[in-house]
Amino acid sequence: MADITLTYELSTDGTYYIVEGTDGDGDTVDIPREYNGKPVKEIETEAFRNNTNIKNVIIPDSITSIGTHTFSGCTSLTSVKIGNGVTSIGSYAFYGCTSLTSVVIPDSVTIILDRVFLGCSSLESITLPFVGRNKTATTASATTLFGYIFGS
């Protein structure tokens, strides 16, 4: 396993970093908790989209959100470890990750947007903290159904 070199963007308020993407051809995305002495808190929308080299992803507790299409099209992705700081997962975040076999969504996640796992044809096991779009849903609707995260 070779780590991918990551690229970063400083937040607009200058207090933390956002992972923008990659600069290299490794197969493991191991996001650090800190970069240049500041916390790494977000993964930008489409940061790793269509990167077919990625096999493993390790997201630390410092990350609070996984953006839309962050890992979509990463067809070699087999393993994802999501840290306990993540509270939201954007639409299509793992769309088309055809080699992903299992994933555990931590209890810290309160919002999972639509079609997060659409096209994950090898997914055999998923552990969720709730069913539907968010942890606080109290009525039945299209966004509270289990299939919501898989799309149609």
C-alpha atoms as a PDB file:
ATOM      1  CA  MET A   1       0.000   0.000   0.000  1.00  0.00           C
ATOM      2  CA  ALA A   2       1.353   3.386  -1.042  1.00  0.00           C
ATOM      3  CA  ASP A   3      -0.157   6.569   0.354  1.00  0.00           C
ATOM      4  CA  ILE A   4      -1.465   9.134  -2.099  1.00  0.00           C
ATOM      5  CA  THR A   5      -0.065  12.639  -1.703  1.00  0.00           C
ATOM      6  CA  LEU A   6      -2.951  14.937  -0.796  1.00  0.00           C
ATOM      7  CA  THR A   7      -3.541  18.576  -1.739  1.00  0.00           C
ATOM      8  CA  TYR A   8      -5.163  21.058   0.658  1.00  0.00           C
ATOM      9  CA  GLU A   9      -6.991  24.372   0.701  1.00  0.00           C
ATOM     10  CA  LEU A  10      -7.062  26.682   3.719  1.00  0.00           C
ATOM     11  CA  SER A  11     -10.600  27.518   4.890  1.00  0.00           C
ATOM     12  CA  THR A  12     -11.844  31.052   4.260  1.00  0.00           C
ATOM     13  CA  ASP A  13     -11.507  31.911   7.946  1.00  0.00           C
ATOM     14  CA  GLY A  14      -7.985  30.431   8.047  1.00  0.00           C
ATOM     15  CA  THR A  15      -8.647  28.083  10.971  1.00  0.00           C
ATOM     16  CA  TYR A  16      -8.596  24.670   9.254  1.00  0.00           C
ATOM     17  CA  TYR A  17      -7.756  22.805   6.050  1.00  0.00           C
ATOM     18  CA  ILE A  18      -9.940  21.123   3.445  1.00  0.00           C
ATOM     19  CA  VAL A  19      -8.674  18.133   1.449  1.00  0.00           C
ATOM     20  CA  GLU A  20      -8.910  19.154  -2.223  1.00  0.00           C
ATOM     21  CA  GLY A  21      -7.680  16.003  -3.919  1.00  0.00           C
ATOM     22  CA  THR A  22      -4.516  14.160  -4.855  1.00  0.00           C
ATOM     23  CA  ASP A  23      -1.153  14.752  -6.394  1.00  0.00           C
ATOM     24  CA  GLY A  24       0.128  11.252  -7.123  1.00  0.00           C
ATOM     25  CA  ASP A  25      -0.717   7.665  -7.936  1.00  0.00           C
ATOM     26  CA  GLY A  26      -0.761   5.747  -4.645  1.00  0.00           C
ATOM     27  CA  ASP A  27      -3.599   3.448  -3.637  1.00  0.00           C
ATOM     28  CA  THR A  28      -4.290   4.601  -0.060  1.00  0.00           C
ATOM     29  CA  VAL A  29      -5.925   7.853   1.046  1.00  0.00           C
ATOM     30  CA  ASP A  30      -4.858   8.342   4.667  1.00  0.00           C
ATOM     31  CA  ILE A  31      -6.074  11.776   5.689  1.00  0.00           C
ATOM     32  CA  PRO A  32      -4.108  13.302   8.588  1.00  0.00           C
ATOM     33  CA  ARG A  33      -5.812  14.986  11.535  1.00  0.00           C
ATOM     34  CA  GLU A  34      -3.640  18.075  11.029  1.00  0.00           C
ATOM     35  CA  TYR A  35      -1.773  19.802   8.222  1.00  0.00           C
ATOM     36  CA  ASN A  36       0.644  22.696   8.773  1.00  0.00           C
ATOM     37  CA  GLY A  37      -0.418  22.868  12.431  1.00  0.00           C
ATOM     38  CA  LYS A  38      -4.147  23.253  11.732  1.00  0.00           C
ATOM     39  CA  PRO A  39      -6.924  20.639  11.827  1.00  0.00           C
ATOM     40  CA  VAL A  40      -8.150  18.990   8.623  1.00  0.00           C
ATOM     41  CA  LYS A  41     -11.967  19.156   8.827  1.00  0.00           C
ATOM     42  CA  GLU A  42     -13.495  18.630   5.390  1.00  0.00           C
ATOM     43  CA  ILE A  43     -13.144  16.665   2.176  1.00  0.00           C
ATOM     44  CA  GLU A  44     -14.089  18.808  -0.789  1.00  0.00           C
ATOM     45  CA  THR A  45     -16.810  17.901  -3.263  1.00  0.00           C
ATOM     46  CA  GLU A  46     -15.410  15.614  -6.000  1.00  0.00           C
ATOM     47  CA  ALA A  47     -11.972  15.510  -4.298  1.00  0.00           C
ATOM     48  CA  PHE A  48     -11.213  11.945  -5.438  1.00  0.00           C
ATOM     49  CA  ARG A  49     -13.852  11.491  -8.140  1.00  0.00           C
ATOM     50  CA  ASN A  50     -12.987   8.834 -10.757  1.00  0.00           C
ATOM     51  CA  ASN A  51      -9.599   8.022  -9.206  1.00  0.00           C
ATOM     52  CA  THR A  52      -9.353   4.339 -10.083  1.00  0.00           C
ATOM     53  CA  ASN A  53      -6.056   3.862  -8.182  1.00  0.00           C
ATOM     54  CA  ILE A  54      -7.639   4.275  -4.735  1.00  0.00           C
ATOM     55  CA  LYS A  55      -8.176   1.009  -2.846  1.00  0.00           C
ATOM     56  CA  ASN A  56      -8.227   2.126   0.794  1.00  0.00           C
ATOM     57  CA  VAL A  57      -9.497   5.247   2.556  1.00  0.00           C
ATOM     58  CA  ILE A  58      -8.893   6.238   6.180  1.00  0.00           C
ATOM     59  CA  ILE A  59     -10.885   9.263   7.368  1.00  0.00           C
ATOM     60  CA  PRO A  60      -9.847  10.564  10.812  1.00  0.00           C
ATOM     61  CA  ASP A  61     -12.117  11.837  13.601  1.00  0.00           C
ATOM     62  CA  SER A  62     -11.184  15.453  12.725  1.00  0.00           C
ATOM     63  CA  ILE A  63     -13.182  15.300   9.458  1.00  0.00           C
ATOM     64  CA  THR A  64     -16.767  16.526   9.897  1.00  0.00           C
ATOM     65  CA  SER A  65     -18.164  16.158   6.379  1.00  0.00           C
ATOM     66  CA  ILE A  66     -17.702  14.082   3.245  1.00  0.00           C
ATOM     67  CA  GLY A  67     -18.737  16.119   0.202  1.00  0.00           C
ATOM     68  CA  THR A  68     -20.914  15.277  -2.787  1.00  0.00           C
ATOM     69  CA  HIS A  69     -19.288  12.864  -5.274  1.00  0.00           C
ATOM     70  CA  THR A  70     -16.147  12.726  -3.088  1.00  0.00           C
ATOM     71  CA  PHE A  71     -15.297   9.119  -3.996  1.00  0.00           C
ATOM     72  CA  SER A  72     -17.733   8.496  -6.865  1.00  0.00           C
ATOM     73  CA  GLY A  73     -16.256   6.434  -9.670  1.00  0.00           C
ATOM     74  CA  CYS A  74     -13.429   5.068  -7.501  1.00  0.00           C
ATOM     75  CA  THR A  75     -13.965   1.595  -8.940  1.00  0.00           C
ATOM     76  CA  SER A  76     -10.991  -0.009  -7.132  1.00  0.00           C
ATOM     77  CA  LEU A  77     -12.049   1.214  -3.676  1.00  0.00           C
ATOM     78  CA  THR A  78     -12.520  -1.806  -1.381  1.00  0.00           C
ATOM     79  CA  SER A  79     -12.081  -0.421   2.148  1.00  0.00           C
ATOM     80  CA  VAL A  80     -13.299   2.758   3.886  1.00  0.00           C
ATOM     81  CA  LYS A  81     -12.768   3.644   7.547  1.00  0.00           C
ATOM     82  CA  ILE A  82     -14.914   6.639   8.504  1.00  0.00           C
ATOM     83  CA  GLY A  83     -13.914   8.480  11.686  1.00  0.00           C
ATOM     84  CA  ASN A  84     -16.277   9.334  14.525  1.00  0.00           C
ATOM     85  CA  GLY A  85     -16.197  13.077  13.795  1.00  0.00           C
ATOM     86  CA  VAL A  86     -18.077  12.807  10.504  1.00  0.00           C
ATOM     87  CA  THR A  87     -21.600  14.211  10.821  1.00  0.00           C
ATOM     88  CA  SER A  88     -22.707  14.395   7.172  1.00  0.00           C
ATOM     89  CA  ILE A  89     -22.195  12.468   3.945  1.00  0.00           C
ATOM     90  CA  GLY A  90     -23.041  14.206   0.672  1.00  0.00           C
ATOM     91  CA  SER A  91     -25.070  12.907  -2.268  1.00  0.00           C
ATOM     92  CA  TYR A  92     -23.370  10.312  -4.463  1.00  0.00           C
ATOM     93  CA  ALA A  93     -20.337  10.263  -2.121  1.00  0.00           C
ATOM     94  CA  PHE A  94     -19.517   6.631  -3.002  1.00  0.00           C
ATOM     95  CA  TYR A  95     -21.491   6.371  -6.254  1.00  0.00           C
ATOM     96  CA  GLY A  96     -20.159   3.688  -8.585  1.00  0.00           C
ATOM     97  CA  CYS A  97     -17.583   2.284  -6.136  1.00  0.00           C
ATOM     98  CA  THR A  98     -18.093  -1.162  -7.626  1.00  0.00           C
ATOM     99  CA  SER A  99     -15.413  -2.914  -5.521  1.00  0.00           C
ATOM    100  CA  LEU A 100     -16.613  -1.628  -2.128  1.00  0.00           C
ATOM    101  CA  THR A 101     -17.812  -4.664  -0.140  1.00  0.00           C
ATOM    102  CA  SER A 102     -18.618  -3.284   3.314  1.00  0.00           C
ATOM    103  CA  VAL A 103     -18.851   0.013   5.159  1.00  0.00           C
ATOM    104  CA  VAL A 104     -19.590   1.140   8.697  1.00  0.00           C
ATOM    105  CA  ILE A 105     -21.207   4.556   9.112  1.00  0.00           C
ATOM    106  CA  PRO A 106     -20.416   5.802  12.642  1.00  0.00           C
ATOM    107  CA  ASP A 107     -23.067   6.979  15.107  1.00  0.00           C
ATOM    108  CA  SER A 108     -21.747  10.543  14.769  1.00  0.00           C
ATOM    109  CA  VAL A 109     -23.345  10.812  11.305  1.00  0.00           C
ATOM    110  CA  THR A 110     -26.680  12.643  11.475  1.00  0.00           C
ATOM    111  CA  ILE A 111     -27.295  13.306   7.760  1.00  0.00           C
ATOM    112  CA  ILE A 112     -26.814  10.971   4.793  1.00  0.00           C
ATOM    113  CA  LEU A 113     -27.918  12.535   1.526  1.00  0.00           C
ATOM    114  CA  ASP A 114     -29.416  10.686  -1.422  1.00  0.00           C
ATOM    115  CA  ARG A 115     -27.780   8.000  -3.570  1.00  0.00           C
ATOM    116  CA  VAL A 116     -24.623   7.753  -1.448  1.00  0.00           C
ATOM    117  CA  PHE A 117     -24.192   4.074  -2.403  1.00  0.00           C
ATOM    118  CA  LEU A 118     -25.857   4.023  -5.825  1.00  0.00           C
ATOM    119  CA  GLY A 119     -24.001   1.612  -8.116  1.00  0.00           C
ATOM    120  CA  CYS A 120     -22.011  -0.070  -5.328  1.00  0.00           C
ATOM    121  CA  SER A 121     -22.713  -3.474  -6.833  1.00  0.00           C
ATOM    122  CA  SER A 122     -20.333  -5.444  -4.551  1.00  0.00           C
ATOM    123  CA  LEU A 123     -21.626  -3.969  -1.283  1.00  0.00           C
ATOM    124  CA  GLU A 124     -22.478  -6.931   0.966  1.00  0.00           C
ATOM    125  CA  SER A 125     -22.535  -5.313   4.417  1.00  0.00           C
ATOM    126  CA  ILE A 126     -23.469  -1.859   5.651  1.00  0.00           C
ATOM    127  CA  THR A 127     -23.855  -0.645   9.222  1.00  0.00           C
ATOM    128  CA  LEU A 128     -25.979   2.495   9.620  1.00  0.00           C
ATOM    129  CA  PRO A 129     -26.795   4.626  12.678  1.00  0.00           C
ATOM    130  CA  PHE A 130     -30.314   5.248  11.269  1.00  0.00           C
ATOM    131  CA  VAL A 131     -32.453   4.663   8.171  1.00  0.00           C
ATOM    132  CA  GLY A 132     -33.232   7.456   5.704  1.00  0.00           C
ATOM    133  CA  ARG A 133     -31.857  11.000   5.291  1.00  0.00           C
ATOM    134  CA  ASN A 134     -31.343  12.078   8.884  1.00  0.00           C
ATOM    135  CA  LYS A 135     -31.287  10.839  12.421  1.00  0.00           C
ATOM    136  CA  THR A 136     -34.181  13.022  13.556  1.00  0.00           C
ATOM    137  CA  ALA A 137     -36.829  12.059  10.958  1.00  0.00           C
ATOM    138  CA  THR A 138     -40.144  11.323  12.648  1.00  0.00           C
ATOM    139  CA  THR A 139     -42.520  10.714   9.730  1.00  0.00           C
ATOM    140  CA  ALA A 140     -42.440   8.377   6.760  1.00  0.00           C
ATOM    141  CA  SER A 141     -41.477   9.984   3.442  1.00  0.00           C
ATOM    142  CA  ALA A 142     -39.273   9.228   0.440  1.00  0.00           C
ATOM    143  CA  THR A 143     -36.255  10.514   2.372  1.00  0.00           C
ATOM    144  CA  THR A 144     -36.834   8.264   5.383  1.00  0.00           C
ATOM    145  CA  LEU A 145     -36.840   5.000   3.477  1.00  0.00           C
ATOM    146  CA  PHE A 146     -33.886   2.605   3.484  1.00  0.00           C
ATOM    147  CA  GLY A 147     -33.515   2.679  -0.313  1.00  0.00           C
ATOM    148  CA  TYR A 148     -32.933   6.444  -0.236  1.00  0.00           C
ATOM    149  CA  ILE A 149     -29.157   6.008   0.103  1.00  0.00           C
ATOM    150  CA  PHE A 150     -29.024   3.571  -2.817  1.00  0.00           C
ATOM    151  CA  GLY A 151     -31.020   5.679  -5.286  1.00  0.00           C
ATOM    152  CA  SER A 152     -33.312   4.282  -7.926  1.00  0.00           C
END
